[in-house]
């Protein structure tokens, strides 16, 4: 918290997969932070970013097991500072609950997330590879009927690949934005999320309250389940 221009290079962090609330590296209200060339195994997020983060780089990190690399959760507390200027690049994520995600609470306080870039990422057997979740409510102790007030804009998911063996129907790319403040400026490009077993169910993607700009190869097709937007 409150750090500037701090670099984590060639770190190794390990915690049991079943351990609770064991983020590998949590960054909050800091700027100019780099996490580079590191190996993180944990029971929660490999890297998590709280409010007030700016100019953050996560690059060449190997993550897993754990919950992936996360921005948030945000909006739970009043007067949270904006999160802006985050780049996650050239990472490998294996056997995690999620891949790369942004998460905000419903019925939240106001907040801002902008200028997020997730690119050139390899995943293996990841539960939710690409995720924006503005209805994040892990213990069902919030009013999910009231939309999040965190505004998300300028988000890019590019060149992300995942292969997996799971057979059940999976939401591989899930962009669930706030009905009160739909996401703006979201781009997805060259997303290839495939199963290695022929008998696996087809993967699908879902978009709610967002109209992403789509380019390049998309597998599964972007927003292949019904799209809902607020006029």
Protein backbone atom coordinates (compact mmCIF):
# COMPACT_ATOMS: atom_id res chain seq x y z
CA UNK A 1 0.00 0.00 0.00
CA UNK A 2 1.21 3.49 -0.83
CA UNK A 3 4.28 2.38 -2.82
CA UNK A 4 5.86 3.96 -5.90
CA UNK A 5 8.20 2.50 -8.51
CA UNK A 6 8.65 -0.83 -6.76
CA UNK A 7 9.68 -3.90 -8.79
CA UNK A 8 9.16 -7.57 -7.85
CA UNK A 9 11.57 -9.58 -10.02
CA UNK A 10 12.12 -13.36 -10.01
CA UNK A 11 9.96 -13.94 -6.95
CA UNK A 12 8.75 -17.42 -6.00
CA UNK A 13 5.61 -17.54 -3.84
CA UNK A 14 3.93 -20.78 -2.77
CA UNK A 15 0.87 -21.55 -0.63
CA UNK A 16 -1.40 -24.63 -0.58
CA UNK A 17 -4.18 -24.57 -3.16
CA UNK A 18 -6.79 -25.08 -0.43
CA UNK A 19 -5.53 -22.17 1.71
CA UNK A 20 -8.08 -19.35 2.05
CA UNK A 21 -7.40 -15.67 1.28
CA UNK A 22 -3.78 -16.24 0.36
CA UNK A 23 -3.15 -13.73 -2.41
CA UNK A 24 0.36 -14.03 -3.77
CA UNK A 25 0.95 -10.30 -4.28
CA UNK A 26 -1.73 -7.72 -3.44
CA UNK A 27 -1.19 -4.16 -4.65
CA UNK A 28 -3.26 -1.23 -3.45
CA UNK A 29 -3.02 2.57 -3.75
CA UNK A 30 0.35 2.33 -5.44
CA UNK A 31 1.88 3.37 -8.77
CA UNK A 32 4.73 2.29 -10.99
CA UNK A 33 4.69 -1.28 -9.69
CA UNK A 34 6.10 -4.12 -11.80
CA UNK A 35 5.80 -7.86 -11.13
CA UNK A 36 8.20 -9.62 -13.50
CA UNK A 37 9.56 -13.11 -14.17
CA UNK A 38 7.94 -14.63 -11.09
CA UNK A 39 6.29 -17.94 -10.16
CA UNK A 40 3.22 -17.77 -7.92
CA UNK A 41 1.21 -20.72 -6.54
CA UNK A 42 -1.51 -19.92 -4.05
CA UNK A 43 -5.06 -20.49 -2.81
CA UNK A 44 -6.43 -17.13 -3.98
CA UNK A 45 -5.35 -14.55 -6.56
CA UNK A 46 -1.79 -14.87 -7.81
CA UNK A 47 -1.77 -11.09 -8.23
CA UNK A 48 -4.62 -8.85 -7.08
CA UNK A 49 -5.05 -5.11 -7.54
CA UNK A 50 -7.11 -3.01 -5.16
CA UNK A 51 -8.26 0.58 -5.49
CA UNK A 52 -5.84 3.40 -6.18
CA UNK A 53 -3.53 1.41 -8.46
CA UNK A 54 -1.99 3.09 -11.51
CA UNK A 55 0.78 2.22 -13.95
CA UNK A 56 0.96 -1.45 -12.99
CA UNK A 57 2.75 -4.11 -15.08
CA UNK A 58 2.49 -7.87 -14.58
CA UNK A 59 4.72 -9.61 -17.12
CA UNK A 60 6.20 -13.07 -17.62
CA UNK A 61 4.50 -14.40 -14.50
CA UNK A 62 3.61 -18.07 -14.08
CA UNK A 63 0.40 -18.38 -12.06
CA UNK A 64 -1.30 -21.48 -10.68
CA UNK A 65 -2.90 -23.00 -8.81
CA UNK A 66 -5.04 -20.18 -7.44
CA UNK A 67 -7.75 -17.81 -8.63
CA UNK A 68 -5.80 -16.14 -11.43
CA UNK A 69 -4.84 -12.49 -11.89
CA UNK A 70 -7.53 -10.05 -10.72
CA UNK A 71 -8.40 -6.38 -10.67
CA UNK A 72 -10.66 -5.98 -7.63
CA UNK A 73 -12.89 -6.62 -6.02
CA UNK A 74 -13.91 -2.97 -6.18
CA UNK A 75 -16.82 -0.83 -5.04
CA UNK A 76 -17.37 -2.36 -1.63
CA UNK A 77 -16.11 0.70 0.25
CA UNK A 78 -16.84 4.40 -0.05
CA UNK A 79 -14.34 6.77 -1.71
CA UNK A 80 -12.22 4.15 -3.40
CA UNK A 81 -9.60 5.64 -5.71
CA UNK A 82 -9.61 4.88 -9.47
CA UNK A 83 -7.69 1.96 -10.92
CA UNK A 84 -6.02 2.86 -14.20
CA UNK A 85 -3.15 1.87 -16.43
CA UNK A 86 -2.78 -1.88 -15.86
CA UNK A 87 -0.96 -4.22 -18.26
CA UNK A 88 -0.85 -8.00 -17.87
CA UNK A 89 1.32 -9.50 -20.61
CA UNK A 90 3.18 -12.69 -21.56
CA UNK A 91 1.91 -14.69 -18.58
CA UNK A 92 1.14 -18.40 -18.21
CA UNK A 93 -1.84 -19.40 -16.06
CA UNK A 94 -2.43 -23.06 -15.21
CA UNK A 95 -5.11 -24.90 -13.23
CA UNK A 96 -6.74 -21.80 -11.76
CA UNK A 97 -10.36 -20.97 -10.99
CA UNK A 98 -10.15 -17.86 -13.18
CA UNK A 99 -7.73 -16.49 -15.73
CA UNK A 100 -7.72 -12.70 -16.00
CA UNK A 101 -10.65 -10.82 -14.51
CA UNK A 102 -12.08 -7.54 -13.32
CA UNK A 103 -14.56 -7.85 -10.45
CA UNK A 104 -16.82 -5.28 -8.81
CA UNK A 105 -19.59 -5.59 -6.26
CA UNK A 106 -23.27 -5.00 -7.07
CA UNK A 107 -25.00 -2.29 -5.06
CA UNK A 108 -21.57 -0.69 -4.83
CA UNK A 109 -20.13 2.71 -4.13
CA UNK A 110 -18.87 4.70 -7.12
CA UNK A 111 -15.56 3.82 -8.70
CA UNK A 112 -13.53 3.94 -11.91
CA UNK A 113 -11.58 1.26 -13.78
CA UNK A 114 -9.88 2.33 -17.01
CA UNK A 115 -7.04 1.55 -19.39
CA UNK A 116 -6.70 -2.20 -18.74
CA UNK A 117 -4.72 -4.43 -21.10
CA UNK A 118 -4.54 -8.23 -20.93
CA UNK A 119 -2.53 -9.68 -23.81
CA UNK A 120 -0.33 -12.56 -24.99
CA UNK A 121 -1.47 -14.97 -22.27
CA UNK A 122 -1.30 -18.78 -22.35
CA UNK A 123 -3.74 -20.73 -20.16
CA UNK A 124 -4.10 -24.42 -19.38
CA UNK A 125 -7.23 -25.89 -17.75
CA UNK A 126 -8.49 -22.56 -16.45
CA UNK A 127 -12.09 -22.31 -15.19
CA UNK A 128 -13.09 -18.83 -16.41
CA UNK A 129 -10.34 -17.64 -18.75
CA UNK A 130 -11.62 -14.14 -19.59
CA UNK A 131 -13.94 -12.45 -17.13
CA UNK A 132 -15.51 -9.11 -16.30
CA UNK A 133 -17.83 -9.68 -13.34
CA UNK A 134 -19.76 -6.66 -12.12
CA UNK A 135 -22.08 -8.87 -10.08
CA UNK A 136 -19.34 -10.26 -7.86
CA UNK A 137 -20.96 -11.49 -4.66
CA UNK A 138 -19.07 -14.53 -3.35
CA UNK A 139 -21.11 -15.13 -0.19
CA UNK A 140 -24.51 -13.93 -1.45
CA UNK A 141 -24.49 -11.19 1.18
CA UNK A 142 -25.23 -8.27 -1.12
CA UNK A 143 -28.17 -6.85 -3.03
CA UNK A 144 -27.57 -8.29 -6.48
CA UNK A 145 -30.64 -6.49 -7.85
CA UNK A 146 -28.91 -3.10 -7.58
CA UNK A 147 -26.27 -2.63 -10.30
CA UNK A 148 -22.65 -1.79 -9.62
CA UNK A 149 -21.71 1.89 -9.78
CA UNK A 150 -18.13 1.18 -10.80
CA UNK A 151 -17.53 2.52 -14.32
CA UNK A 152 -15.32 0.31 -16.51
CA UNK A 153 -13.79 1.64 -19.74
CA UNK A 154 -10.88 1.04 -22.06
CA UNK A 155 -10.33 -2.70 -21.56
CA UNK A 156 -8.47 -4.92 -24.04
CA UNK A 157 -8.26 -8.72 -24.07
CA UNK A 158 -5.89 -9.76 -26.87
CA UNK A 159 -4.17 -12.97 -27.96
CA UNK A 160 -5.32 -15.24 -25.13
CA UNK A 161 -5.18 -19.00 -25.61
CA UNK A 162 -6.48 -21.78 -23.35
CA UNK A 163 -6.68 -25.54 -23.80
CA UNK A 164 -8.56 -27.78 -21.41
CA UNK A 165 -10.08 -31.23 -20.94
CA UNK A 166 -13.28 -30.41 -19.02
CA UNK A 167 -16.41 -31.83 -20.60
CA UNK A 168 -19.20 -29.67 -19.23
CA UNK A 169 -20.54 -26.58 -20.95
CA UNK A 170 -18.27 -23.69 -20.07
CA UNK A 171 -18.46 -19.91 -20.37
CA UNK A 172 -15.00 -19.23 -21.72
CA UNK A 173 -15.32 -15.48 -22.25
CA UNK A 174 -17.76 -13.84 -19.85
CA UNK A 175 -18.28 -10.07 -19.87
CA UNK A 176 -20.97 -9.22 -17.33
CA UNK A 177 -21.09 -5.45 -16.97
CA UNK A 178 -23.30 -3.18 -14.88
CA UNK A 179 -26.79 -2.41 -16.15
CA UNK A 180 -26.51 1.01 -14.52
CA UNK A 181 -23.12 1.86 -16.02
CA UNK A 182 -22.45 -0.39 -19.04
CA UNK A 183 -18.81 -1.03 -19.91
CA UNK A 184 -17.34 1.29 -22.55
CA UNK A 185 -14.46 0.79 -24.96
CA UNK A 186 -14.02 -2.96 -24.49
CA UNK A 187 -12.02 -4.75 -27.19
CA UNK A 188 -11.47 -8.49 -27.61
CA UNK A 189 -9.19 -9.93 -30.27
CA UNK A 190 -7.64 -13.29 -31.11
CA UNK A 191 -9.16 -15.32 -28.29
CA UNK A 192 -8.73 -19.08 -28.78
CA UNK A 193 -10.26 -21.17 -25.99
CA UNK A 194 -10.45 -24.84 -26.96
CA UNK A 195 -11.04 -28.32 -25.55
CA UNK A 196 -8.56 -31.13 -26.14
CA UNK A 197 -11.17 -33.92 -25.94
CA UNK A 198 -13.51 -34.49 -28.88
CA UNK A 199 -16.51 -35.38 -26.70
CA UNK A 200 -16.36 -32.09 -24.77
CA UNK A 201 -19.36 -29.78 -24.80
CA UNK A 202 -19.12 -26.68 -26.93
CA UNK A 203 -17.66 -23.61 -25.27
CA UNK A 204 -19.70 -20.41 -25.32
CA UNK A 205 -19.22 -16.78 -24.40
CA UNK A 206 -21.58 -14.27 -22.83
CA UNK A 207 -21.85 -10.50 -22.93
CA UNK A 208 -24.18 -8.38 -20.79
CA UNK A 209 -24.40 -4.58 -20.87
CA UNK A 210 -21.40 -4.26 -23.17
CA UNK A 211 -20.89 -4.02 -26.92
CA UNK A 212 -17.27 -5.04 -27.42
CA UNK A 213 -15.21 -4.31 -30.51
CA UNK A 214 -14.28 -7.73 -31.89
CA UNK A 215 -11.42 -8.59 -34.24
CA UNK A 216 -9.19 -11.50 -35.23
CA UNK A 217 -9.86 -15.16 -34.51
CA UNK A 218 -12.55 -15.82 -31.91
CA UNK A 219 -13.12 -19.32 -30.56
CA UNK A 220 -15.78 -19.56 -29.27
CA UNK A 221 -17.50 -16.74 -31.19
CA UNK A 222 -17.66 -13.62 -29.06
CA UNK A 223 -20.97 -13.07 -27.27
CA UNK A 224 -22.32 -16.38 -28.60
CA UNK A 225 -24.96 -16.56 -25.89
CA UNK A 226 -27.67 -13.85 -25.83
CA UNK A 227 -26.42 -10.29 -25.48
CA UNK A 228 -28.28 -7.99 -23.15
CA UNK A 229 -27.75 -4.25 -23.15
CA UNK A 230 -29.45 -1.34 -21.47
CA UNK A 231 -30.77 1.34 -23.88
